[in-house]
Every structure is written in structure tokens, then in C-alpha cells.
């Protein structure tokens, strides 16, 4: 296995430090081929969580067709996935997350900035804009510093969602849950759905599996970006 493959494996298994993770995600953003490989391998990893072998094979075929990565490397990862499947069938489950920490690492990815485009012109220095610039760079503490300067009564809900994500990325799960609490009653259904997902991940990391599962079950009943992921995660919870 090459150094590149080892890096990808460490990233997907949550074995990187926060600094390594940020650096690697910057590489992903700059290298489209690397991004394709990470996406493909993540898909393979999730396909492994299918208990049914036929479902696994079907998902693997779909992944092969949808990712335009180097054929030789793709065959390598398909072969590795097939070996992993045999291990799973044998009851070893070597490649699957084993506790809430690994599940969190497998499923947590900071919410992309989709609510307000940032302006990089020299004349734009609003607090929100500066916070978003830091957020997109993965500079979580700096983003929080800017967001905290906003008046609570005038702070847009999407900023609160990003604050929660910053706190999750920094490992402050209790404060992240508290920050996201108000969004669970948001009138914006899609934003409420997104907040509910990250709230559930915070609860999972805090060891509150019952609360996390209850929230995830609610998300499975709603149309939203995390509906299917919620179903997957529920299946993996002990």
C-alpha cells in the first residue's frame, strides 16, 4: 500500500490529528483525483455496512461506474473491499466502526457553507463574512471568534449551525449540543434537519446513545440531506 493509500485509510478511520485532518482536507480540495479516491473509498466503506451480500455487490458496482478514478487503483480498492466482505461474513468485522468514537469519525463532516457566499474583496469586512472565510479554511477557533461577536438576537440561524460545527470539529461536544439545541425548533425545515443530524452526532460522542438514536429516528421520517445517513447510522448503533 502506498503512502497516499495509507493517508486515505488513516483519514477514513479517524486516526489523523486535527491538524493532519485539516491539511489532508486541503489536499482533497486541491487534488480532484485524490478527492475521487477518498469519495470512492468512503462509499466502499459504507457499502460494507450492508448486512446483505447482494446489496454490497450492487452498491460496489454502482460506485465503480460513478467514480472516474484510475482503473488499476479502483480494482485494488474493489479487491480490498471484497476481502473485507469475506472477513465480515466470517464474523470478524475488522473494518467497521466499533464504538461511538469511531462512528462519529466515520460520519462527521463539517457542514459546507451553503447559506451565504463569502466575499473576498478588500472592501468586505463584515463579521459574518470574516467568520465564513475562517470557517471555509477550517480555522474553527477564528470562525467562532467572529461569530461570537454577533448580537445573539440578530444572529442568523445558519451561523448558529456553523458555530455548532466548529465546536464539534474542536471536540467540544457538550457546548456544540447546547449551541444546536435552539435550532431543533427552527421554522426552516431543512436547517432544522441539518442541525438535528449534528446534534445527534454530539449526543453520540457524549455517550448519550438513546437520545442520539431518538433524534436519528426522527430524521429518517423527514425528507432531508441526512435522511439516508440517519438510517445507516441507526443500523450501526448497539
C-alpha atoms as a PDB file:
ATOM      1  CA  UNK A   1       0.000   0.000   0.000  1.00  0.00           C
ATOM      2  CA  UNK A   2       1.391   3.415  -0.973  1.00  0.00           C
ATOM      3  CA  UNK A   3       1.841   6.384   1.373  1.00  0.00           C
ATOM      4  CA  UNK A   4      -1.112   8.006  -0.354  1.00  0.00           C
ATOM      5  CA  UNK A   5      -3.307   4.979   0.340  1.00  0.00           C
ATOM      6  CA  UNK A   6      -2.175   4.916   3.964  1.00  0.00           C
ATOM      7  CA  UNK A   7      -3.096   8.578   4.322  1.00  0.00           C
ATOM      8  CA  UNK A   8      -6.564   7.938   2.932  1.00  0.00           C
ATOM      9  CA  UNK A   9      -7.034   4.960   5.233  1.00  0.00           C
ATOM     10  CA  UNK A  10      -5.947   6.975   8.291  1.00  0.00           C
ATOM     11  CA  UNK A  11      -8.307   9.780   7.288  1.00  0.00           C
ATOM     12  CA  UNK A  12     -11.311   7.481   6.856  1.00  0.00           C
ATOM     13  CA  UNK A  13     -10.557   5.611  10.074  1.00  0.00           C
ATOM     14  CA  UNK A  14     -10.340   8.858  12.054  1.00  0.00           C
ATOM     15  CA  UNK A  15      -6.711   8.251  13.001  1.00  0.00           C
ATOM     16  CA  UNK A  16      -5.411  11.680  11.955  1.00  0.00           C
ATOM     17  CA  UNK A  17      -4.834  14.503  14.385  1.00  0.00           C
ATOM     18  CA  UNK A  18      -6.949  17.610  13.860  1.00  0.00           C
ATOM     19  CA  UNK A  19      -4.011  19.384  12.177  1.00  0.00           C
ATOM     20  CA  UNK A  20      -3.360  16.409   9.881  1.00  0.00           C
ATOM     21  CA  UNK A  21      -7.061  16.220   9.031  1.00  0.00           C
ATOM     22  CA  UNK A  22      -7.241  19.903   8.093  1.00  0.00           C
ATOM     23  CA  UNK A  23      -4.116  19.603   5.948  1.00  0.00           C
ATOM     24  CA  UNK A  24      -5.389  16.472   4.229  1.00  0.00           C
ATOM     25  CA  UNK A  25      -8.778  18.056   3.512  1.00  0.00           C
ATOM     26  CA  UNK A  26      -6.971  20.977   1.910  1.00  0.00           C
ATOM     27  CA  UNK A  27      -5.162  18.467  -0.326  1.00  0.00           C
ATOM     28  CA  UNK A  28      -8.504  16.896  -1.219  1.00  0.00           C
ATOM     29  CA  UNK A  29      -9.863  20.300  -2.232  1.00  0.00           C
ATOM     30  CA  UNK A  30      -6.826  20.921  -4.467  1.00  0.00           C
ATOM     31  CA  UNK A  31      -6.444  17.439  -5.985  1.00  0.00           C
ATOM     32  CA  UNK A  32      -9.565  16.218  -7.799  1.00  0.00           C
ATOM     33  CA  UNK A  33      -8.133  12.718  -8.282  1.00  0.00           C
ATOM     34  CA  UNK A  34      -7.451  12.405  -4.557  1.00  0.00           C
ATOM     35  CA  UNK A  35     -10.967  13.655  -3.860  1.00  0.00           C
ATOM     36  CA  UNK A  36     -12.372  10.971  -6.153  1.00  0.00           C
ATOM     37  CA  UNK A  37     -10.375   8.262  -4.404  1.00  0.00           C
ATOM     38  CA  UNK A  38     -11.487   9.383  -0.941  1.00  0.00           C
ATOM     39  CA  UNK A  39     -15.108   9.549  -2.084  1.00  0.00           C
ATOM     40  CA  UNK A  40     -14.868   6.112  -3.689  1.00  0.00           C
ATOM     41  CA  UNK A  41     -13.280   4.502  -0.645  1.00  0.00           C
ATOM     42  CA  UNK A  42     -15.808   6.112   1.679  1.00  0.00           C
ATOM     43  CA  UNK A  43     -18.535   4.646  -0.499  1.00  0.00           C
ATOM     44  CA  UNK A  44     -16.882   1.231  -0.321  1.00  0.00           C
ATOM     45  CA  UNK A  45     -16.621   1.533   3.456  1.00  0.00           C
ATOM     46  CA  UNK A  46     -20.306   2.335   3.755  1.00  0.00           C
ATOM     47  CA  UNK A  47     -21.197  -0.449   1.327  1.00  0.00           C
ATOM     48  CA  UNK A  48     -19.510  -2.837   3.745  1.00  0.00           C
ATOM     49  CA  UNK A  49     -22.081  -1.913   6.347  1.00  0.00           C
ATOM     50  CA  UNK A  50     -24.782  -3.623   4.289  1.00  0.00           C
ATOM     51  CA  UNK A  51     -25.604  -6.868   6.022  1.00  0.00           C
ATOM     52  CA  UNK A  52     -26.786  -8.416   2.785  1.00  0.00           C
ATOM     53  CA  UNK A  53     -24.050  -9.576   0.394  1.00  0.00           C
ATOM     54  CA  UNK A  54     -26.145  -8.900  -2.715  1.00  0.00           C
ATOM     55  CA  UNK A  55     -26.727  -5.327  -1.581  1.00  0.00           C
ATOM     56  CA  UNK A  56     -22.994  -4.941  -1.079  1.00  0.00           C
ATOM     57  CA  UNK A  57     -22.208  -6.198  -4.592  1.00  0.00           C
ATOM     58  CA  UNK A  58     -24.852  -3.938  -6.121  1.00  0.00           C
ATOM     59  CA  UNK A  59     -23.527  -0.871  -4.303  1.00  0.00           C
ATOM     60  CA  UNK A  60     -19.967  -1.718  -5.278  1.00  0.00           C
ATOM     61  CA  UNK A  61     -20.946  -1.897  -8.951  1.00  0.00           C
ATOM     62  CA  UNK A  62     -22.640   1.479  -8.678  1.00  0.00           C
ATOM     63  CA  UNK A  63     -19.555   3.013  -7.093  1.00  0.00           C
ATOM     64  CA  UNK A  64     -17.300   1.663  -9.826  1.00  0.00           C
ATOM     65  CA  UNK A  65     -19.438   3.270 -12.501  1.00  0.00           C
ATOM     66  CA  UNK A  66     -19.865   6.620 -10.741  1.00  0.00           C
ATOM     67  CA  UNK A  67     -16.202   7.328  -9.893  1.00  0.00           C
ATOM     68  CA  UNK A  68     -13.715   8.115 -12.625  1.00  0.00           C
ATOM     69  CA  UNK A  69     -10.552   7.130 -10.770  1.00  0.00           C
ATOM     70  CA  UNK A  70      -7.595   5.267 -12.221  1.00  0.00           C
ATOM     71  CA  UNK A  71      -8.734   1.770 -13.262  1.00  0.00           C
ATOM     72  CA  UNK A  72      -5.789  -0.010 -11.646  1.00  0.00           C
ATOM     73  CA  UNK A  73      -6.295   1.769  -8.322  1.00  0.00           C
ATOM     74  CA  UNK A  74     -10.039   1.205  -8.488  1.00  0.00           C
ATOM     75  CA  UNK A  75      -9.519  -2.534  -8.947  1.00  0.00           C
ATOM     76  CA  UNK A  76      -7.172  -2.508  -5.961  1.00  0.00           C
ATOM     77  CA  UNK A  77      -9.794  -0.999  -3.685  1.00  0.00           C
ATOM     78  CA  UNK A  78     -12.578  -3.207  -5.013  1.00  0.00           C
ATOM     79  CA  UNK A  79     -10.404  -6.239  -4.292  1.00  0.00           C
ATOM     80  CA  UNK A  80      -9.656  -4.928  -0.811  1.00  0.00           C
ATOM     81  CA  UNK A  81     -13.350  -4.374  -0.206  1.00  0.00           C
ATOM     82  CA  UNK A  82     -14.177  -7.887  -1.333  1.00  0.00           C
ATOM     83  CA  UNK A  83     -11.609  -9.301   1.091  1.00  0.00           C
ATOM     84  CA  UNK A  84     -13.133  -7.168   3.830  1.00  0.00           C
ATOM     85  CA  UNK A  85     -16.563  -8.522   2.949  1.00  0.00           C
ATOM     86  CA  UNK A  86     -15.321 -12.073   3.400  1.00  0.00           C
ATOM     87  CA  UNK A  87     -13.939 -11.087   6.784  1.00  0.00           C
ATOM     88  CA  UNK A  88     -17.282  -9.613   7.720  1.00  0.00           C
ATOM     89  CA  UNK A  89     -19.123 -12.745   6.641  1.00  0.00           C
ATOM     90  CA  UNK A  90     -16.717 -14.735   8.783  1.00  0.00           C
ATOM     91  CA  UNK A  91     -17.744 -12.578  11.736  1.00  0.00           C
ATOM     92  CA  UNK A  92     -14.532 -10.598  12.093  1.00  0.00           C
ATOM     93  CA  UNK A  93     -15.898  -7.130  11.180  1.00  0.00           C
ATOM     94  CA  UNK A  94     -12.365  -5.755  11.209  1.00  0.00           C
ATOM     95  CA  UNK A  95     -13.077  -2.667   9.133  1.00  0.00           C
ATOM     96  CA  UNK A  96     -16.243  -1.451  10.798  1.00  0.00           C
ATOM     97  CA  UNK A  97     -16.535   1.234  13.480  1.00  0.00           C
ATOM     98  CA  UNK A  98     -16.694  -0.433  16.893  1.00  0.00           C
ATOM     99  CA  UNK A  99     -17.918   2.326  19.216  1.00  0.00           C
ATOM    100  CA  UNK A 100     -19.403   5.810  19.269  1.00  0.00           C
ATOM    101  CA  UNK A 101     -15.999   7.419  18.784  1.00  0.00           C
ATOM    102  CA  UNK A 102     -15.356   5.551  15.535  1.00  0.00           C
ATOM    103  CA  UNK A 103     -18.936   6.081  14.385  1.00  0.00           C
ATOM    104  CA  UNK A 104     -18.563   9.807  14.974  1.00  0.00           C
ATOM    105  CA  UNK A 105     -15.316   9.903  12.995  1.00  0.00           C
ATOM    106  CA  UNK A 106     -16.911   7.955  10.148  1.00  0.00           C
ATOM    107  CA  UNK A 107     -19.993  10.165   9.902  1.00  0.00           C
ATOM    108  CA  UNK A 108     -18.933  13.646  10.970  1.00  0.00           C
ATOM    109  CA  UNK A 109     -18.022  16.040   8.204  1.00  0.00           C
ATOM    110  CA  UNK A 110     -18.403  19.790   8.850  1.00  0.00           C
ATOM    111  CA  UNK A 111     -21.399  21.371   7.194  1.00  0.00           C
ATOM    112  CA  UNK A 112     -20.258  23.139   3.997  1.00  0.00           C
ATOM    113  CA  UNK A 113     -21.031  26.823   3.719  1.00  0.00           C
ATOM    114  CA  UNK A 114     -24.143  26.761   1.560  1.00  0.00           C
ATOM    115  CA  UNK A 115     -26.167  29.556   3.115  1.00  0.00           C
ATOM    116  CA  UNK A 116     -24.164  32.683   2.311  1.00  0.00           C
ATOM    117  CA  UNK A 117     -21.418  33.071  -0.283  1.00  0.00           C
ATOM    118  CA  UNK A 118     -18.339  34.799   1.068  1.00  0.00           C
ATOM    119  CA  UNK A 119     -16.937  37.952  -0.451  1.00  0.00           C
ATOM    120  CA  UNK A 120     -13.161  38.140  -0.670  1.00  0.00           C
ATOM    121  CA  UNK A 121     -12.906  41.727  -1.880  1.00  0.00           C
ATOM    122  CA  UNK A 122     -10.813  44.066   0.240  1.00  0.00           C
ATOM    123  CA  UNK A 123     -13.847  46.198   0.923  1.00  0.00           C
ATOM    124  CA  UNK A 124     -15.851  43.420   2.573  1.00  0.00           C
ATOM    125  CA  UNK A 125     -15.081  43.126   6.257  1.00  0.00           C
ATOM    126  CA  UNK A 126     -18.423  42.207   7.846  1.00  0.00           C
ATOM    127  CA  UNK A 127     -18.232  39.988  10.907  1.00  0.00           C
ATOM    128  CA  UNK A 128     -20.209  37.195   9.251  1.00  0.00           C
ATOM    129  CA  UNK A 129     -18.068  37.332   6.123  1.00  0.00           C
ATOM    130  CA  UNK A 130     -14.854  37.153   8.113  1.00  0.00           C
ATOM    131  CA  UNK A 131     -16.242  34.265  10.110  1.00  0.00           C
ATOM    132  CA  UNK A 132     -17.207  32.404   6.953  1.00  0.00           C
ATOM    133  CA  UNK A 133     -13.754  32.899   5.436  1.00  0.00           C
ATOM    134  CA  UNK A 134     -12.198  31.327   8.531  1.00  0.00           C
ATOM    135  CA  UNK A 135     -14.856  28.596   8.544  1.00  0.00           C
ATOM    136  CA  UNK A 136     -14.154  27.553   4.969  1.00  0.00           C
ATOM    137  CA  UNK A 137     -10.441  27.350   5.782  1.00  0.00           C
ATOM    138  CA  UNK A 138     -11.148  25.060   8.731  1.00  0.00           C
ATOM    139  CA  UNK A 139      -9.929  27.708  11.161  1.00  0.00           C
ATOM    140  CA  UNK A 140     -12.583  26.814  13.709  1.00  0.00           C
ATOM    141  CA  UNK A 141     -11.431  28.957  16.626  1.00  0.00           C
ATOM    142  CA  UNK A 142     -11.078  32.016  14.421  1.00  0.00           C
ATOM    143  CA  UNK A 143     -14.523  31.431  12.917  1.00  0.00           C
ATOM    144  CA  UNK A 144     -16.039  31.118  16.398  1.00  0.00           C
ATOM    145  CA  UNK A 145     -14.347  34.341  17.466  1.00  0.00           C
ATOM    146  CA  UNK A 146     -16.024  36.259  14.656  1.00  0.00           C
ATOM    147  CA  UNK A 147     -19.414  34.571  15.072  1.00  0.00           C
ATOM    148  CA  UNK A 148     -19.401  35.278  18.822  1.00  0.00           C
ATOM    149  CA  UNK A 149     -19.132  38.999  18.104  1.00  0.00           C
ATOM    150  CA  UNK A 150     -22.622  38.977  16.590  1.00  0.00           C
ATOM    151  CA  UNK A 151     -25.564  40.053  18.717  1.00  0.00           C
ATOM    152  CA  UNK A 152     -27.470  36.926  19.781  1.00  0.00           C
ATOM    153  CA  UNK A 153     -30.837  38.456  18.955  1.00  0.00           C
ATOM    154  CA  UNK A 154     -29.724  39.250  15.388  1.00  0.00           C
ATOM    155  CA  UNK A 155     -27.566  36.190  14.684  1.00  0.00           C
ATOM    156  CA  UNK A 156     -28.846  34.246  11.632  1.00  0.00           C
ATOM    157  CA  UNK A 157     -29.728  30.628  12.343  1.00  0.00           C
ATOM    158  CA  UNK A 158     -27.264  29.336   9.778  1.00  0.00           C
ATOM    159  CA  UNK A 159     -24.447  30.988  11.753  1.00  0.00           C
ATOM    160  CA  UNK A 160     -25.540  29.030  14.827  1.00  0.00           C
ATOM    161  CA  UNK A 161     -25.370  25.853  12.729  1.00  0.00           C
ATOM    162  CA  UNK A 162     -21.804  26.716  11.726  1.00  0.00           C
ATOM    163  CA  UNK A 163     -20.916  27.507  15.340  1.00  0.00           C
ATOM    164  CA  UNK A 164     -22.099  24.055  16.335  1.00  0.00           C
ATOM    165  CA  UNK A 165     -19.956  22.520  13.607  1.00  0.00           C
ATOM    166  CA  UNK A 166     -16.907  24.489  14.731  1.00  0.00           C
ATOM    167  CA  UNK A 167     -17.361  23.189  18.249  1.00  0.00           C
ATOM    168  CA  UNK A 168     -17.769  19.610  17.019  1.00  0.00           C
ATOM    169  CA  UNK A 169     -14.600  19.924  14.948  1.00  0.00           C
ATOM    170  CA  UNK A 170     -12.779  21.252  18.016  1.00  0.00           C
ATOM    171  CA  UNK A 171     -14.024  18.388  20.177  1.00  0.00           C
ATOM    172  CA  UNK A 172     -16.234  20.499  22.458  1.00  0.00           C
ATOM    173  CA  UNK A 173     -19.256  18.237  22.113  1.00  0.00           C
ATOM    174  CA  UNK A 174     -21.242  19.396  25.126  1.00  0.00           C
ATOM    175  CA  UNK A 175     -21.105  23.056  24.072  1.00  0.00           C
ATOM    176  CA  UNK A 176     -21.866  22.052  20.480  1.00  0.00           C
ATOM    177  CA  UNK A 177     -25.038  20.277  21.600  1.00  0.00           C
ATOM    178  CA  UNK A 178     -26.105  23.312  23.638  1.00  0.00           C
ATOM    179  CA  UNK A 179     -25.431  25.628  20.693  1.00  0.00           C
ATOM    180  CA  UNK A 180     -27.525  23.479  18.355  1.00  0.00           C
ATOM    181  CA  UNK A 181     -30.426  22.993  20.803  1.00  0.00           C
ATOM    182  CA  UNK A 182     -32.424  26.085  19.663  1.00  0.00           C
ATOM    183  CA  UNK A 183     -32.240  25.001  16.004  1.00  0.00           C
ATOM    184  CA  UNK A 184     -34.200  21.822  16.723  1.00  0.00           C
ATOM    185  CA  UNK A 185     -37.302  24.058  16.795  1.00  0.00           C
ATOM    186  CA  UNK A 186     -36.402  26.161  13.750  1.00  0.00           C
ATOM    187  CA  UNK A 187     -39.146  27.054  11.285  1.00  0.00           C
ATOM    188  CA  UNK A 188     -36.696  26.309   8.480  1.00  0.00           C
ATOM    189  CA  UNK A 189     -37.241  22.591   7.937  1.00  0.00           C
ATOM    190  CA  UNK A 190     -34.016  21.902   6.060  1.00  0.00           C
ATOM    191  CA  UNK A 191     -31.887  23.819   8.540  1.00  0.00           C
ATOM    192  CA  UNK A 192     -33.665  22.079  11.417  1.00  0.00           C
ATOM    193  CA  UNK A 193     -32.901  18.732   9.761  1.00  0.00           C
ATOM    194  CA  UNK A 194     -29.212  19.580   9.381  1.00  0.00           C
ATOM    195  CA  UNK A 195     -28.973  20.794  12.967  1.00  0.00           C
ATOM    196  CA  UNK A 196     -30.687  17.624  14.166  1.00  0.00           C
ATOM    197  CA  UNK A 197     -28.054  15.498  12.467  1.00  0.00           C
ATOM    198  CA  UNK A 198     -25.150  17.297  14.091  1.00  0.00           C
ATOM    199  CA  UNK A 199     -26.988  17.395  17.431  1.00  0.00           C
ATOM    200  CA  UNK A 200     -27.359  13.611  17.251  1.00  0.00           C
ATOM    201  CA  UNK A 201     -23.645  13.216  16.493  1.00  0.00           C
ATOM    202  CA  UNK A 202     -22.793  15.363  19.513  1.00  0.00           C
ATOM    203  CA  UNK A 203     -25.035  13.192  21.689  1.00  0.00           C
ATOM    204  CA  UNK A 204     -23.427  10.076  20.267  1.00  0.00           C
ATOM    205  CA  UNK A 205     -19.957  11.344  21.105  1.00  0.00           C
ATOM    206  CA  UNK A 206     -21.135  12.233  24.630  1.00  0.00           C
ATOM    207  CA  UNK A 207     -22.292   8.651  25.110  1.00  0.00           C
ATOM    208  CA  UNK A 208     -25.989   9.576  25.028  1.00  0.00           C
ATOM    209  CA  UNK A 209     -26.921   6.802  22.597  1.00  0.00           C
ATOM    210  CA  UNK A 210     -30.618   6.753  23.472  1.00  0.00           C
ATOM    211  CA  UNK A 211     -31.012  10.476  22.769  1.00  0.00           C
ATOM    212  CA  UNK A 212     -28.920  10.229  19.605  1.00  0.00           C
ATOM    213  CA  UNK A 213     -30.962   7.313  18.290  1.00  0.00           C
ATOM    214  CA  UNK A 214     -34.249   9.059  19.049  1.00  0.00           C
ATOM    215  CA  UNK A 215     -33.150  12.106  17.050  1.00  0.00           C
ATOM    216  CA  UNK A 216     -31.881   9.966  14.185  1.00  0.00           C
ATOM    217  CA  UNK A 217     -35.193   8.107  14.034  1.00  0.00           C
ATOM    218  CA  UNK A 218     -36.939  11.443  13.694  1.00  0.00           C
ATOM    219  CA  UNK A 219     -34.632  12.404  10.837  1.00  0.00           C
ATOM    220  CA  UNK A 220     -35.440   9.165   8.982  1.00  0.00           C
ATOM    221  CA  UNK A 221     -39.060  10.289   8.836  1.00  0.00           C
ATOM    222  CA  UNK A 222     -38.189  13.631   7.248  1.00  0.00           C
ATOM    223  CA  UNK A 223     -37.057  14.453   3.757  1.00  0.00           C
ATOM    224  CA  UNK A 224     -33.627  15.983   4.093  1.00  0.00           C
ATOM    225  CA  UNK A 225     -29.926  15.647   3.286  1.00  0.00           C
ATOM    226  CA  UNK A 226     -29.275  13.304   6.224  1.00  0.00           C
ATOM    227  CA  UNK A 227     -32.301  11.048   5.964  1.00  0.00           C
ATOM    228  CA  UNK A 228     -30.414   8.095   4.471  1.00  0.00           C
ATOM    229  CA  UNK A 229     -27.321   8.594   6.621  1.00  0.00           C
ATOM    230  CA  UNK A 230     -29.552   8.536   9.682  1.00  0.00           C
ATOM    231  CA  UNK A 231     -30.914   5.159   8.617  1.00  0.00           C
ATOM    232  CA  UNK A 232     -27.381   3.831   8.151  1.00  0.00           C
ATOM    233  CA  UNK A 233     -26.180   5.098  11.495  1.00  0.00           C
ATOM    234  CA  UNK A 234     -29.156   3.673  13.370  1.00  0.00           C
ATOM    235  CA  UNK A 235     -28.292   0.236  11.995  1.00  0.00           C
ATOM    236  CA  UNK A 236     -24.796   0.526  13.413  1.00  0.00           C
ATOM    237  CA  UNK A 237     -25.768   1.663  16.876  1.00  0.00           C
ATOM    238  CA  UNK A 238     -25.552  -1.064  19.519  1.00  0.00           C
END
